[in-house]
Amino acid sequence: MNIAVYGGSFDCPHFGHLSACLYALTSEPVDRLLVVPTYQHAWGKQLTAFEHRLEMTKRTMAYLNNERVEVSDMERVHGGMSLTINTVRGIAETYPGATLSWIIGADLMKDIEKWDDIDIIRKLARFLIVGRGGYDGGDGIVMPPVSSSEVRRRVKAGEPYKHLVAHSVYEYIEENGLYR
């Protein structure tokens, strides 16, 4: 079984995240795609409540309409600080013998050596590097120039952002007054 894992803060999920998942599903032999929102950021970054991020991620990934895609709350179940090594180990234990790929944006490659146990992560999973405009690297496609921080900034400033997120996520942000 080939499992691709896409972990991240997803604060908030946007079309770039959706594009990365679609790219993985269509360019790699992926039997299962696990999308794993971070519970508590490893480097202390303040995040919107996990339940909001989980729900927005589910709403975003629903547009893929694919039974191979699962949004997982596994990092909430583990609790505490989210470390990639713990997530990768947990998936490897749950799916013994599976081939794991970790989807990562090229923008994060500059900090990868700072990750806890990066050498073990590399042994357990290969990286599927998704290009981002303005960053070197990537295994092919370059994602749309959108970021969660830009979406949050636009919401807070009262600027248009509907074109950057799934409609159901836009509605959720508005209904819950997020990022104001």
Protein backbone atom coordinates (compact mmCIF):
# COMPACT_ATOMS: atom_id res chain seq x y z
CA MET A 1 0.00 0.00 0.00
CA ASN A 2 1.27 3.47 -0.93
CA ILE A 3 0.28 6.16 1.55
CA ALA A 4 0.86 9.85 1.02
CA VAL A 5 0.67 12.06 4.10
CA TYR A 6 0.06 15.79 4.00
CA GLY A 7 0.58 17.33 7.41
CA GLY A 8 0.28 21.00 8.19
CA SER A 9 -1.33 23.73 10.24
CA PHE A 10 -4.10 24.28 7.68
CA ASP A 11 -4.83 27.64 9.32
CA CYS A 12 -6.74 28.04 6.99
CA PRO A 13 -6.78 25.52 4.17
CA HIS A 14 -6.76 27.09 0.70
CA PHE A 15 -6.60 26.20 -2.97
CA GLY A 16 -2.84 25.61 -2.76
CA HIS A 17 -3.43 22.79 -0.25
CA LEU A 18 -6.14 21.33 -2.44
CA SER A 19 -3.87 21.52 -5.48
CA ALA A 20 -1.03 19.75 -3.63
CA CYS A 21 -3.37 16.88 -2.75
CA LEU A 22 -4.71 16.62 -6.28
CA TYR A 23 -1.15 16.59 -7.58
CA ALA A 24 -0.16 13.75 -5.23
CA LEU A 25 -3.25 11.72 -6.11
CA THR A 26 -2.74 12.06 -9.84
CA SER A 27 1.04 11.96 -10.21
CA GLU A 28 1.96 9.24 -7.72
CA PRO A 29 0.73 5.68 -7.09
CA VAL A 30 -1.26 6.70 -4.00
CA ASP A 31 -3.67 4.20 -2.47
CA ARG A 32 -4.49 6.45 0.47
CA LEU A 33 -3.94 10.14 1.20
CA LEU A 34 -3.95 11.13 4.85
CA VAL A 35 -4.36 14.85 5.49
CA VAL A 36 -3.24 15.55 9.04
CA PRO A 37 -3.82 18.94 10.65
CA THR A 38 -1.29 19.87 13.32
CA TYR A 39 -2.68 19.80 16.83
CA GLN A 40 -0.11 22.05 18.53
CA HIS A 41 2.63 23.65 16.44
CA ALA A 42 6.09 22.23 17.15
CA TRP A 43 7.71 25.67 17.19
CA GLY A 44 5.10 27.37 19.35
CA LYS A 45 3.22 29.17 16.56
CA GLN A 46 -0.24 30.23 17.75
CA LEU A 47 -2.94 28.44 15.80
CA THR A 48 -6.70 28.77 15.48
CA ALA A 49 -8.54 26.16 17.57
CA PHE A 50 -7.96 22.65 16.27
CA GLU A 51 -11.68 21.93 15.80
CA HIS A 52 -12.03 24.88 13.42
CA ARG A 53 -8.96 23.89 11.40
CA LEU A 54 -10.06 20.24 11.27
CA GLU A 55 -13.53 21.19 10.02
CA MET A 56 -12.19 23.60 7.39
CA THR A 57 -9.73 20.94 6.21
CA LYS A 58 -12.54 18.38 5.90
CA ARG A 59 -14.61 20.87 3.93
CA THR A 60 -11.71 21.62 1.61
CA MET A 61 -10.79 17.99 0.97
CA ALA A 62 -14.43 17.07 0.34
CA TYR A 63 -14.07 18.80 -3.04
CA LEU A 64 -11.69 16.04 -4.10
CA ASN A 65 -14.64 13.64 -3.78
CA ASN A 66 -12.25 10.72 -3.49
CA GLU A 67 -12.57 7.74 -1.13
CA ARG A 68 -8.77 7.49 -0.97
CA VAL A 69 -8.61 10.80 0.93
CA GLU A 70 -9.01 10.94 4.70
CA VAL A 71 -8.66 13.96 6.96
CA SER A 72 -7.25 12.54 10.17
CA ASP A 73 -7.41 13.87 13.72
CA MET A 74 -4.55 11.60 14.77
CA GLU A 75 -2.47 14.47 16.15
CA ARG A 76 -5.33 15.49 18.46
CA VAL A 77 -5.54 11.89 19.65
CA HIS A 78 -1.81 11.94 20.43
CA GLY A 79 -2.18 15.35 22.07
CA GLY A 80 0.48 17.89 22.86
CA MET A 81 3.07 19.20 20.46
CA SER A 82 2.84 17.82 16.93
CA LEU A 83 6.11 16.39 15.67
CA THR A 84 6.43 14.88 12.20
CA ILE A 85 8.47 11.99 13.57
CA ASN A 86 5.59 10.94 15.85
CA THR A 87 3.08 11.19 13.03
CA VAL A 88 5.25 9.19 10.61
CA ARG A 89 5.95 6.52 13.24
CA GLY A 90 2.26 6.29 14.11
CA ILE A 91 1.28 5.80 10.48
CA ALA A 92 4.07 3.27 9.93
CA GLU A 93 2.82 1.28 12.94
CA THR A 94 -0.81 1.49 11.80
CA TYR A 95 0.05 0.41 8.25
CA PRO A 96 3.01 -1.99 8.57
CA GLY A 97 4.72 -2.59 5.26
CA ALA A 98 3.21 0.49 3.63
CA THR A 99 5.36 2.79 1.53
CA LEU A 100 5.06 6.31 2.95
CA SER A 101 5.44 9.62 1.16
CA TRP A 102 5.36 12.93 3.00
CA ILE A 103 4.00 15.86 0.99
CA ILE A 104 5.87 19.05 1.74
CA GLY A 105 5.99 22.48 0.15
CA ALA A 106 9.32 23.65 -1.24
CA ASP A 107 9.03 26.67 1.09
CA LEU A 108 9.50 24.37 4.10
CA MET A 109 12.64 22.67 2.79
CA LYS A 110 14.84 25.46 4.14
CA ASP A 111 13.93 24.42 7.71
CA ILE A 112 13.82 20.66 7.30
CA GLU A 113 17.14 20.04 9.03
CA LYS A 114 15.61 21.60 12.17
CA TRP A 115 12.94 18.89 12.36
CA ASP A 116 13.29 16.42 15.23
CA ASP A 117 14.79 13.12 14.02
CA ILE A 118 14.87 14.15 10.37
CA ASP A 119 17.21 11.25 9.51
CA ILE A 120 14.70 8.74 10.87
CA ILE A 121 11.85 10.48 9.04
CA ARG A 122 13.83 10.16 5.79
CA LYS A 123 14.21 6.42 6.41
CA LEU A 124 10.50 5.95 7.06
CA ALA A 125 9.10 8.19 4.32
CA ARG A 126 10.24 9.78 1.11
CA PHE A 127 9.46 13.44 0.49
CA LEU A 128 7.14 14.51 -2.29
CA ILE A 129 8.17 18.14 -2.68
CA VAL A 130 5.53 20.44 -4.10
CA GLY A 131 6.85 23.62 -5.70
CA ARG A 132 5.87 27.06 -4.47
CA GLY A 133 6.49 30.26 -6.35
CA GLY A 134 9.62 32.04 -5.14
CA TYR A 135 11.22 28.88 -3.69
CA ASP A 136 13.68 26.46 -5.22
CA GLY A 137 12.79 22.81 -5.44
CA GLY A 138 9.74 20.77 -6.15
CA ASP A 139 9.09 17.51 -7.93
CA GLY A 140 7.16 19.08 -10.77
CA ILE A 141 4.15 21.34 -10.36
CA VAL A 142 4.27 24.77 -8.74
CA MET A 143 1.31 25.55 -6.51
CA PRO A 144 -0.82 28.68 -6.88
CA PRO A 145 0.65 31.75 -5.14
CA VAL A 146 -1.55 31.62 -2.05
CA SER A 147 -0.75 31.13 1.64
CA SER A 148 -2.73 30.72 4.81
CA SER A 149 -1.11 33.82 6.26
CA GLU A 150 -2.28 35.83 3.24
CA VAL A 151 -5.84 34.53 3.65
CA ARG A 152 -5.80 35.44 7.36
CA ARG A 153 -4.37 38.88 6.59
CA ARG A 154 -7.06 39.54 3.99
CA VAL A 155 -9.86 38.45 6.33
CA LYS A 156 -8.55 40.67 9.12
CA ALA A 157 -8.16 43.64 6.76
CA GLY A 158 -11.63 43.15 5.29
CA GLU A 159 -10.16 42.47 1.84
CA PRO A 160 -11.57 39.92 -0.63
CA TYR A 161 -10.41 36.36 -0.01
CA LYS A 162 -13.25 34.20 -1.32
CA HIS A 163 -11.18 33.39 -4.44
CA LEU A 164 -8.46 31.76 -2.31
CA VAL A 165 -10.51 29.17 -0.38
CA ALA A 166 -13.25 26.64 -1.05
CA HIS A 167 -16.73 28.16 -0.85
CA SER A 168 -17.67 26.01 2.15
CA VAL A 169 -14.53 27.25 3.95
CA TYR A 170 -15.42 30.85 3.12
CA GLU A 171 -18.86 30.28 4.64
CA TYR A 172 -17.33 28.63 7.71
CA ILE A 173 -14.92 31.53 8.30
CA GLU A 174 -17.75 34.03 7.97
CA GLU A 175 -20.20 32.08 10.16
CA ASN A 176 -17.62 31.61 12.93
CA GLY A 177 -16.01 35.04 12.74
CA LEU A 178 -12.52 33.57 12.32
CA TYR A 179 -9.38 35.62 11.69
CA ARG A 180 -10.98 38.96 12.59
